Amino acid sequence: MSQHRLDVELPILQSEHERRMMSMQMMTNSKSDAMERYKELIQANSSYRIRHSQLLREQAQLKNKIQILLNEKREQLVEQTELPASSVEAKRLCQEAGMNICVPSAKQQQV
């Protein structure tokens, strides 16, 4: 090989080598960045999973409380419908008791 040919090809090969080395370094950096981002996403996913579980538990508790409140409301509605009937009955009993109380005292005044 002639010296002239080496003088021409060597800088070209060195330049190509430098470009390939830079390309490899960029790929290594890109791989490292991707790994860091992957770790961040795993942590974020874990946090979301924990929060999702908490929210599901809270939702179940709220559904249970709603069911309890609906049952209480149903019982109160039943009681409300029974109240007028028992109120009428109580009023009638009071009137009867009043008549029984008033009648003996009226008899005592007549005597």
C-alpha atoms as a PDB file:
ATOM      1  CA  MET A   1       0.000   0.000   0.000  1.00  0.00           C
ATOM      2  CA  SER A   2       1.337   3.347  -0.830  1.00  0.00           C
ATOM      3  CA  GLN A   3       1.822   6.067   1.728  1.00  0.00           C
ATOM      4  CA  HIS A   4      -0.360   8.404  -0.264  1.00  0.00           C
ATOM      5  CA  ARG A   5      -3.243   5.943  -0.174  1.00  0.00           C
ATOM      6  CA  LEU A   6      -2.830   5.519   3.588  1.00  0.00           C
ATOM      7  CA  ASP A   7      -2.753   9.278   4.039  1.00  0.00           C
ATOM      8  CA  VAL A   8      -6.070   9.553   2.187  1.00  0.00           C
ATOM      9  CA  GLU A   9      -7.877   6.539   3.651  1.00  0.00           C
ATOM     10  CA  LEU A  10      -6.743   6.886   7.274  1.00  0.00           C
ATOM     11  CA  PRO A  11      -8.605  10.180   7.965  1.00  0.00           C
ATOM     12  CA  ILE A  12     -11.701   8.735   6.269  1.00  0.00           C
ATOM     13  CA  LEU A  13     -11.527   5.605   8.431  1.00  0.00           C
ATOM     14  CA  GLN A  14     -10.891   7.664  11.564  1.00  0.00           C
ATOM     15  CA  SER A  15     -13.857   9.882  10.765  1.00  0.00           C
ATOM     16  CA  GLU A  16     -16.053   6.838  10.168  1.00  0.00           C
ATOM     17  CA  HIS A  17     -14.807   5.303  13.419  1.00  0.00           C
ATOM     18  CA  GLU A  18     -15.604   8.498  15.362  1.00  0.00           C
ATOM     19  CA  ARG A  19     -19.094   8.664  13.843  1.00  0.00           C
ATOM     20  CA  ARG A  20     -19.764   5.054  14.770  1.00  0.00           C
ATOM     21  CA  MET A  21     -18.428   5.568  18.292  1.00  0.00           C
ATOM     22  CA  MET A  22     -20.629   8.648  18.717  1.00  0.00           C
ATOM     23  CA  SER A  23     -23.574   6.665  17.398  1.00  0.00           C
ATOM     24  CA  MET A  24     -22.881   3.871  19.885  1.00  0.00           C
ATOM     25  CA  GLN A  25     -22.584   6.411  22.723  1.00  0.00           C
ATOM     26  CA  MET A  26     -25.895   7.958  21.696  1.00  0.00           C
ATOM     27  CA  MET A  27     -27.536   4.527  21.665  1.00  0.00           C
ATOM     28  CA  THR A  28     -26.077   3.780  25.114  1.00  0.00           C
ATOM     29  CA  ASN A  29     -27.368   7.117  26.442  1.00  0.00           C
ATOM     30  CA  SER A  30     -30.734   6.496  24.830  1.00  0.00           C
ATOM     31  CA  LYS A  31     -30.877   3.043  26.403  1.00  0.00           C
ATOM     32  CA  SER A  32     -30.012   4.503  29.834  1.00  0.00           C
ATOM     33  CA  ASP A  33     -32.676   7.195  29.438  1.00  0.00           C
ATOM     34  CA  ALA A  34     -35.220   4.564  28.431  1.00  0.00           C
ATOM     35  CA  MET A  35     -34.347   2.442  31.479  1.00  0.00           C
ATOM     36  CA  GLU A  36     -34.757   5.452  33.797  1.00  0.00           C
ATOM     37  CA  ARG A  37     -38.112   6.276  32.224  1.00  0.00           C
ATOM     38  CA  TYR A  38     -39.139   2.622  32.547  1.00  0.00           C
ATOM     39  CA  LYS A  39     -38.338   2.687  36.281  1.00  0.00           C
ATOM     40  CA  GLU A  40     -40.326   5.917  36.709  1.00  0.00           C
ATOM     41  CA  LEU A  41     -43.300   4.395  34.907  1.00  0.00           C
ATOM     42  CA  ILE A  42     -43.156   1.269  37.065  1.00  0.00           C
ATOM     43  CA  GLN A  43     -43.241   3.441  40.205  1.00  0.00           C
ATOM     44  CA  ALA A  44     -46.089   5.542  38.832  1.00  0.00           C
ATOM     45  CA  ASN A  45     -48.013   2.391  37.886  1.00  0.00           C
ATOM     46  CA  SER A  46     -47.517   0.999  41.380  1.00  0.00           C
ATOM     47  CA  SER A  47     -48.816   4.238  42.909  1.00  0.00           C
ATOM     48  CA  TYR A  48     -51.856   4.190  40.610  1.00  0.00           C
ATOM     49  CA  ARG A  49     -52.531   0.546  41.463  1.00  0.00           C
ATOM     50  CA  ILE A  50     -52.436   1.307  45.203  1.00  0.00           C
ATOM     51  CA  ARG A  51     -54.711   4.343  44.782  1.00  0.00           C
ATOM     52  CA  HIS A  52     -57.096   2.336  42.586  1.00  0.00           C
ATOM     53  CA  SER A  53     -57.374  -0.320  45.298  1.00  0.00           C
ATOM     54  CA  GLN A  54     -58.080   2.358  47.903  1.00  0.00           C
ATOM     55  CA  LEU A  55     -60.773   3.893  45.730  1.00  0.00           C
ATOM     56  CA  LEU A  56     -62.388   0.498  45.133  1.00  0.00           C
ATOM     57  CA  ARG A  57     -62.533  -0.095  48.900  1.00  0.00           C
ATOM     58  CA  GLU A  58     -64.014   3.370  49.471  1.00  0.00           C
ATOM     59  CA  GLN A  59     -66.556   2.741  46.713  1.00  0.00           C
ATOM     60  CA  ALA A  60     -67.612  -0.537  48.335  1.00  0.00           C
ATOM     61  CA  GLN A  61     -67.973   1.214  51.711  1.00  0.00           C
ATOM     62  CA  LEU A  62     -70.054   3.986  50.151  1.00  0.00           C
ATOM     63  CA  LYS A  63     -72.290   1.460  48.392  1.00  0.00           C
ATOM     64  CA  ASN A  64     -72.789  -0.302  51.711  1.00  0.00           C
ATOM     65  CA  LYS A  65     -73.649   2.990  53.457  1.00  0.00           C
ATOM     66  CA  ILE A  66     -76.075   3.872  50.664  1.00  0.00           C
ATOM     67  CA  GLN A  67     -77.790   0.502  51.070  1.00  0.00           C
ATOM     68  CA  ILE A  68     -78.060   1.053  54.828  1.00  0.00           C
ATOM     69  CA  LEU A  69     -79.520   4.530  54.286  1.00  0.00           C
ATOM     70  CA  LEU A  70     -81.995   3.223  51.710  1.00  0.00           C
ATOM     71  CA  ASN A  71     -83.127   0.529  54.158  1.00  0.00           C
ATOM     72  CA  GLU A  72     -83.515   3.129  56.918  1.00  0.00           C
ATOM     73  CA  LYS A  73     -85.498   5.366  54.565  1.00  0.00           C
ATOM     74  CA  ARG A  74     -87.751   2.456  53.629  1.00  0.00           C
ATOM     75  CA  GLU A  75     -88.353   1.700  57.340  1.00  0.00           C
ATOM     76  CA  GLN A  76     -89.118   5.356  58.037  1.00  0.00           C
ATOM     77  CA  LEU A  77     -91.596   5.458  55.160  1.00  0.00           C
ATOM     78  CA  VAL A  78     -93.329   2.376  56.561  1.00  0.00           C
ATOM     79  CA  GLU A  79     -93.428   4.013  60.000  1.00  0.00           C
ATOM     80  CA  GLN A  80     -94.768   7.228  58.488  1.00  0.00           C
ATOM     81  CA  THR A  81     -97.617   5.406  56.827  1.00  0.00           C
ATOM     82  CA  GLU A  82     -98.382   3.625  60.094  1.00  0.00           C
ATOM     83  CA  LEU A  83     -98.291   6.857  62.134  1.00  0.00           C
ATOM     84  CA  PRO A  84    -101.599   8.342  60.933  1.00  0.00           C
ATOM     85  CA  ALA A  85    -103.413   5.094  61.675  1.00  0.00           C
ATOM     86  CA  SER A  86    -101.867   4.828  65.140  1.00  0.00           C
ATOM     87  CA  SER A  87    -102.493   8.548  65.674  1.00  0.00           C
ATOM     88  CA  VAL A  88    -106.163   8.102  64.891  1.00  0.00           C
ATOM     89  CA  GLU A  89    -106.270   5.103  67.226  1.00  0.00           C
ATOM     90  CA  ALA A  90    -104.518   7.063  69.989  1.00  0.00           C
ATOM     91  CA  LYS A  91    -106.935   9.961  69.559  1.00  0.00           C
ATOM     92  CA  ARG A  92    -109.911   7.617  69.800  1.00  0.00           C
ATOM     93  CA  LEU A  93    -108.484   6.014  72.950  1.00  0.00           C
ATOM     94  CA  CYS A  94    -107.912   9.443  74.496  1.00  0.00           C
ATOM     95  CA  GLN A  95    -111.483  10.440  73.706  1.00  0.00           C
ATOM     96  CA  GLU A  96    -112.784   7.248  75.284  1.00  0.00           C
ATOM     97  CA  ALA A  97    -110.590   7.769  78.341  1.00  0.00           C
ATOM     98  CA  GLY A  98    -111.747  11.373  78.551  1.00  0.00           C
ATOM     99  CA  MET A  99    -115.360  10.302  78.417  1.00  0.00           C
ATOM    100  CA  ASN A 100    -114.761   7.716  81.134  1.00  0.00           C
ATOM    101  CA  ILE A 101    -112.978  10.286  83.287  1.00  0.00           C
ATOM    102  CA  CYS A 102    -115.565  12.996  82.694  1.00  0.00           C
ATOM    103  CA  VAL A 103    -118.601  10.784  83.235  1.00  0.00           C
ATOM    104  CA  PRO A 104    -117.718   9.626  86.782  1.00  0.00           C
ATOM    105  CA  SER A 105    -116.873  13.160  87.889  1.00  0.00           C
ATOM    106  CA  ALA A 106    -120.116  14.461  86.372  1.00  0.00           C
ATOM    107  CA  LYS A 107    -121.941  11.780  88.317  1.00  0.00           C
ATOM    108  CA  GLN A 108    -120.217  12.864  91.527  1.00  0.00           C
ATOM    109  CA  GLN A 109    -121.332  16.461  90.975  1.00  0.00           C
ATOM    110  CA  GLN A 110    -124.890  15.334  90.414  1.00  0.00           C
ATOM    111  CA  VAL A 111    -124.948  13.371  93.664  1.00  0.00           C
END
